[in-house]
Amino acid sequence: MSSQRQETVRRLTAPDIAARKGGVPIVCLTAYTAPMAELLDDHCDLMLVGDSVGMVVHGLPNTVGVTLEMMILHGQAVMRTAKKAMVVIDMPFGSYEGAPEIAYANAARLMKETGAQAVKVEAGATVVHTVDYLIKRGIPVMGHVGLRPQAVLVDGAFKAKGKARDEREAILADAKATAEAGAFAVVVEGVAEGLAREITQAIDVPTIGIGASAGCDGQILVTDDMLGLFDWTPKFVRRYGDLRGEISRAVANYADDVRQRRFPGPAEIYFAKAG
């Protein structure tokens, strides 16, 4: 059945996503593991192997400590079960901000070793040239403007952006430059709602909002936040589940059954054959 599905389902590509500008909103979520990617695949247009994996899976305080090796490991896991959705992989902090040649080598390694269809970079004035450089050499790029998690050490915390006029103008300029450099889509994170709409109207490629506006061309959330796996979630997250509570209840029931010797029971035990 799985081999038949591989033959009949065509994976979405960067041009497919780019063509959705102004159309049916693009559904995006993060994925870091094979089981989760398989669950999300039928519902998502795009799955992001985000560097948020450092915080969500590895318990890091921010994304700065994420490495290429970590992104490759999780990218490979996702690609083992994702068949329909486009898969984009984050370039981690320090892997693309320097010389474009180094960024290309790192991006090429990510794509070769994972099979992902594109990379994502946190765009800014110093990165636009690199976006152009990568695209001209066959690597589709998704940009990311507004709140840039990899800049947390400069900002001091994860802070919403675009409230002041000069900041709004800088973010809008970053988005325009990233789109003009050839990015097939731009993530807009943690910005004032009006600015997100302005960016969406100003650029010719889809915007993917997170803490931005319903007026963006698509939306993305960290899946674990959306499923309620953490006590605290950002303001912009809507919880669609309470998996933290479900897991806690399941584990408590298991622990009680073990302590009361109710598990394993006859249904979970192997018996010797008669004779």
Protein backbone atom coordinates (compact mmCIF):
# COMPACT_ATOMS: atom_id res chain seq x y z
CA MET A 1 0.00 0.00 0.00
CA SER A 2 2.78 2.44 0.95
CA SER A 3 4.71 1.77 -2.28
CA GLN A 4 1.52 2.36 -4.31
CA ARG A 5 1.00 5.69 -2.48
CA GLN A 6 4.55 6.75 -3.33
CA GLU A 7 3.86 6.16 -7.01
CA THR A 8 0.52 7.96 -7.20
CA VAL A 9 1.00 10.99 -4.90
CA ARG A 10 3.00 13.91 -6.29
CA ARG A 11 4.91 15.95 -3.75
CA LEU A 12 4.27 19.69 -3.73
CA THR A 13 7.17 21.85 -4.90
CA ALA A 14 8.38 25.43 -4.51
CA PRO A 15 6.55 26.57 -7.69
CA ASP A 16 3.34 24.95 -6.39
CA ILE A 17 3.59 26.92 -3.14
CA ALA A 18 4.53 30.14 -4.94
CA ALA A 19 1.48 29.77 -7.19
CA ARG A 20 -0.82 29.84 -4.16
CA LYS A 21 -0.31 33.60 -3.71
CA GLY A 22 -3.73 35.11 -3.03
CA GLY A 23 -5.44 31.72 -3.30
CA VAL A 24 -6.51 29.04 -0.84
CA PRO A 25 -4.42 29.60 2.32
CA ILE A 26 -1.33 27.42 2.63
CA VAL A 27 -1.36 25.02 5.60
CA CYS A 28 2.04 24.62 7.28
CA LEU A 29 3.25 22.94 10.48
CA THR A 30 6.59 21.92 11.93
CA ALA A 31 7.74 18.29 11.92
CA TYR A 32 10.81 16.76 13.52
CA THR A 33 10.10 13.01 13.58
CA ALA A 34 8.92 10.28 11.21
CA PRO A 35 5.71 9.40 13.11
CA MET A 36 4.60 13.03 13.33
CA ALA A 37 5.43 13.71 9.68
CA GLU A 38 3.28 10.75 8.66
CA LEU A 39 0.34 12.12 10.68
CA LEU A 40 0.68 15.64 9.28
CA ASP A 41 1.37 14.77 5.66
CA ASP A 42 -2.23 14.36 4.46
CA HIS A 43 -3.28 17.69 5.97
CA CYS A 44 -0.36 20.01 5.26
CA ASP A 45 0.85 21.70 2.10
CA LEU A 46 4.25 22.36 3.64
CA MET A 47 6.11 20.88 6.60
CA LEU A 48 9.02 22.76 8.12
CA VAL A 49 11.83 20.91 9.83
CA GLY A 50 12.40 23.97 12.00
CA ASP A 51 15.38 24.80 14.15
CA SER A 52 12.74 25.11 16.88
CA VAL A 53 13.56 21.40 17.26
CA GLY A 54 16.37 22.55 19.54
CA MET A 55 13.87 23.91 22.04
CA VAL A 56 10.96 21.51 21.45
CA VAL A 57 12.88 18.20 21.35
CA HIS A 58 16.33 18.87 22.80
CA GLY A 59 15.43 21.25 25.62
CA LEU A 60 17.69 24.11 24.52
CA PRO A 61 16.86 27.63 25.78
CA ASN A 62 16.76 29.01 22.21
CA THR A 63 17.65 28.00 18.65
CA VAL A 64 21.22 29.34 18.66
CA GLY A 65 22.73 26.02 19.75
CA VAL A 66 21.18 23.99 16.91
CA THR A 67 23.71 22.38 14.55
CA LEU A 68 23.70 21.21 10.95
CA GLU A 69 23.97 17.65 12.20
CA MET A 70 20.81 18.04 14.27
CA MET A 71 18.91 19.46 11.30
CA ILE A 72 20.11 16.65 9.05
CA LEU A 73 19.10 13.97 11.58
CA HIS A 74 15.57 15.32 11.95
CA GLY A 75 15.25 16.13 8.25
CA GLN A 76 16.05 12.53 7.37
CA ALA A 77 13.44 11.29 9.84
CA VAL A 78 10.72 13.51 8.37
CA MET A 79 11.55 12.59 4.79
CA ARG A 80 11.18 8.88 5.55
CA THR A 81 7.40 9.24 5.90
CA ALA A 82 6.42 12.55 4.26
CA LYS A 83 5.12 11.84 0.76
CA LYS A 84 2.81 14.70 -0.28
CA ALA A 85 3.72 17.90 1.56
CA MET A 86 6.69 20.00 0.52
CA VAL A 87 9.44 19.69 3.13
CA VAL A 88 11.57 22.72 3.97
CA ILE A 89 14.52 22.57 6.35
CA ASP A 90 15.87 25.42 8.45
CA MET A 91 19.46 26.49 8.05
CA PRO A 92 20.70 26.81 11.64
CA PHE A 93 22.42 29.81 13.19
CA GLY A 94 25.93 30.34 11.85
CA SER A 95 25.48 28.21 8.73
CA TYR A 96 24.60 30.94 6.21
CA GLU A 97 25.32 34.43 7.58
CA GLY A 98 28.92 34.57 6.33
CA ALA A 99 30.26 34.06 2.82
CA PRO A 100 27.64 32.91 0.27
CA GLU A 101 29.94 30.07 -0.77
CA ILE A 102 29.86 28.66 2.75
CA ALA A 103 26.09 29.05 2.88
CA TYR A 104 25.81 27.16 -0.42
CA ALA A 105 27.97 24.30 0.84
CA ASN A 106 25.86 23.99 3.98
CA ALA A 107 22.55 24.26 2.12
CA ALA A 108 23.64 21.71 -0.45
CA ARG A 109 24.63 19.33 2.34
CA LEU A 110 21.25 19.75 4.05
CA MET A 111 19.37 19.00 0.84
CA LYS A 112 21.59 16.11 -0.26
CA GLU A 113 21.57 14.34 3.07
CA THR A 114 17.87 14.84 3.87
CA GLY A 115 16.11 14.98 0.49
CA ALA A 116 14.23 18.15 1.57
CA GLN A 117 12.96 20.39 -1.24
CA ALA A 118 14.14 23.77 0.07
CA VAL A 119 15.89 25.60 2.88
CA LYS A 120 14.70 28.47 5.07
CA VAL A 121 16.84 31.39 6.24
CA GLU A 122 16.11 34.28 8.57
CA ALA A 123 16.41 37.09 6.06
CA GLY A 124 17.84 40.55 6.55
CA ALA A 125 19.96 43.11 4.77
CA THR A 126 23.11 40.98 5.05
CA VAL A 127 21.40 37.76 3.87
CA VAL A 128 19.57 38.94 0.74
CA HIS A 129 22.65 38.47 -1.48
CA THR A 130 22.99 34.93 -0.14
CA VAL A 131 19.33 34.16 -0.97
CA ASP A 132 19.99 35.21 -4.56
CA TYR A 133 23.26 33.22 -4.62
CA LEU A 134 21.57 30.01 -3.44
CA ILE A 135 18.61 30.25 -5.80
CA LYS A 136 20.82 30.84 -8.83
CA ARG A 137 22.61 27.62 -7.93
CA GLY A 138 19.49 25.48 -7.73
CA ILE A 139 18.47 25.74 -4.07
CA PRO A 140 14.90 26.98 -3.42
CA VAL A 141 14.80 29.38 -0.47
CA MET A 142 12.06 30.42 1.93
CA GLY A 143 12.70 33.67 3.77
CA HIS A 144 11.78 34.66 7.33
CA VAL A 145 11.27 38.26 8.52
CA GLY A 146 9.98 40.03 11.60
CA LEU A 147 10.75 38.26 14.86
CA ARG A 148 13.89 36.29 14.06
CA PRO A 149 14.50 33.62 16.75
CA GLN A 150 18.18 33.26 15.79
CA ALA A 151 18.69 36.93 16.77
CA VAL A 152 17.41 36.38 20.32
CA LEU A 153 20.79 37.16 21.87
CA VAL A 154 20.78 40.58 20.19
CA ASP A 155 17.16 41.33 21.13
CA GLY A 156 17.49 39.90 24.63
CA ALA A 157 14.20 37.99 24.34
CA PHE A 158 11.58 36.87 21.84
CA LYS A 159 9.84 40.19 21.20
CA ALA A 160 7.05 41.18 18.81
CA LYS A 161 8.25 43.43 16.00
CA GLY A 162 6.89 46.22 13.85
CA LYS A 163 5.23 48.44 16.44
CA ALA A 164 7.51 51.43 15.84
CA ARG A 165 7.53 53.12 12.43
CA ASP A 166 11.25 52.71 11.72
CA GLU A 167 11.07 49.04 12.64
CA ARG A 168 8.03 48.56 10.41
CA GLU A 169 9.85 50.10 7.47
CA ALA A 170 12.92 47.92 8.03
CA ILE A 171 10.87 44.71 8.17
CA LEU A 172 8.89 45.66 5.08
CA ALA A 173 12.14 46.41 3.25
CA ASP A 174 13.57 43.02 4.31
CA ALA A 175 10.47 41.22 3.02
CA LYS A 176 10.54 43.05 -0.31
CA ALA A 177 14.27 42.42 -0.79
CA THR A 178 13.89 38.74 0.09
CA ALA A 179 11.06 38.29 -2.40
CA GLU A 180 12.94 40.19 -5.10
CA ALA A 181 15.98 37.98 -4.50
CA GLY A 182 13.84 35.01 -5.55
CA ALA A 183 12.47 33.44 -2.36
CA PHE A 184 9.38 31.35 -3.18
CA ALA A 185 7.68 32.33 0.11
CA VAL A 186 8.35 34.45 3.20
CA VAL A 187 7.52 33.57 6.79
CA VAL A 188 6.30 36.64 8.70
CA GLU A 189 6.65 36.11 12.45
CA GLY A 190 5.57 38.09 15.48
CA VAL A 191 4.68 41.40 13.82
CA ALA A 192 1.87 43.91 14.17
CA GLU A 193 -1.22 42.71 12.27
CA GLY A 194 -1.35 45.71 9.95
CA LEU A 195 2.29 45.27 8.98
CA ALA A 196 1.69 41.60 8.10
CA ARG A 197 -1.14 42.63 5.77
CA GLU A 198 1.04 45.35 4.26
CA ILE A 199 3.84 42.89 3.58
CA THR A 200 1.37 40.40 2.04
CA GLN A 201 0.08 43.08 -0.33
CA ALA A 202 3.55 44.40 -1.15
CA ILE A 203 5.29 41.21 -2.29
CA ASP A 204 4.49 38.83 -5.14
CA VAL A 205 5.20 35.59 -3.26
CA PRO A 206 3.12 33.99 -0.49
CA THR A 207 3.48 35.10 3.11
CA ILE A 208 3.27 32.45 5.80
CA GLY A 209 2.12 33.99 9.06
CA ILE A 210 2.98 33.02 12.62
CA GLY A 211 1.80 35.55 15.14
CA ALA A 212 1.00 37.87 12.24
CA SER A 213 -2.37 38.06 10.45
CA ALA A 214 -5.15 35.90 9.04
CA GLY A 215 -4.61 38.00 5.92
CA CYS A 216 -1.34 36.21 5.18
CA ASP A 217 -1.30 33.68 2.34
CA GLY A 218 -0.79 30.82 4.78
CA GLN A 219 -0.16 29.97 8.42
CA ILE A 220 2.39 27.95 10.37
CA LEU A 221 2.61 26.88 13.99
CA VAL A 222 4.97 24.72 16.00
CA THR A 223 3.00 21.47 16.06
CA ASP A 224 3.83 20.67 19.68
CA ASP A 225 2.44 24.07 20.75
CA MET A 226 -0.73 23.59 18.75
CA LEU A 227 -1.27 20.13 20.24
CA GLY A 228 -0.88 21.40 23.80
CA LEU A 229 2.28 19.54 24.77
CA PHE A 230 3.62 22.42 26.87
CA ASP A 231 2.27 24.25 29.92
CA TRP A 232 2.92 27.63 28.30
CA THR A 233 2.40 28.65 24.70
CA PRO A 234 2.88 32.01 22.95
CA LYS A 235 -0.05 34.40 22.59
CA PHE A 236 -0.40 33.63 18.88
CA VAL A 237 -0.91 29.89 19.37
CA ARG A 238 -4.39 28.36 19.38
CA ARG A 239 -4.38 25.00 21.13
CA TYR A 240 -6.20 22.36 19.11
CA GLY A 241 -5.49 19.58 21.60
CA ASP A 242 -4.39 18.75 25.15
CA LEU A 243 -1.84 16.04 24.52
CA ARG A 244 0.10 17.01 27.65
CA GLY A 245 -2.96 16.18 29.74
CA GLU A 246 -3.71 13.02 27.76
CA ILE A 247 -0.14 11.75 28.12
CA SER A 248 -0.06 12.56 31.83
CA ARG A 249 -3.31 10.69 32.41
CA ALA A 250 -2.17 7.70 30.37
CA VAL A 251 1.16 7.46 32.21
CA ALA A 252 -0.57 7.81 35.59
CA ASN A 253 -2.95 4.96 34.69
CA TYR A 254 -0.03 2.80 33.54
CA ALA A 255 1.94 3.49 36.72
CA ASP A 256 -1.07 2.61 38.86
CA ASP A 257 -1.67 -0.64 36.98
CA VAL A 258 1.98 -1.65 37.37
CA ARG A 259 2.00 -0.91 41.11
CA GLN A 260 -1.28 -2.79 41.61
CA ARG A 261 -0.01 -5.72 39.48
CA ARG A 262 -2.88 -5.27 37.01
CA PHE A 263 -0.38 -4.97 34.15
CA PRO A 264 0.54 -7.11 32.37
CA GLY A 265 -2.68 -9.08 32.32
CA PRO A 266 -3.66 -12.25 30.44
CA ALA A 267 -4.04 -10.35 27.16
CA GLU A 268 -0.43 -9.10 27.31
CA ILE A 269 1.27 -12.32 28.45
CA TYR A 270 2.71 -15.24 26.43
CA PHE A 271 1.81 -18.76 27.61
CA ALA A 272 3.56 -22.02 26.87
CA LYS A 273 1.71 -24.29 24.45
CA ALA A 274 0.02 -27.29 25.99
CA GLY A 275 1.92 -30.54 25.61
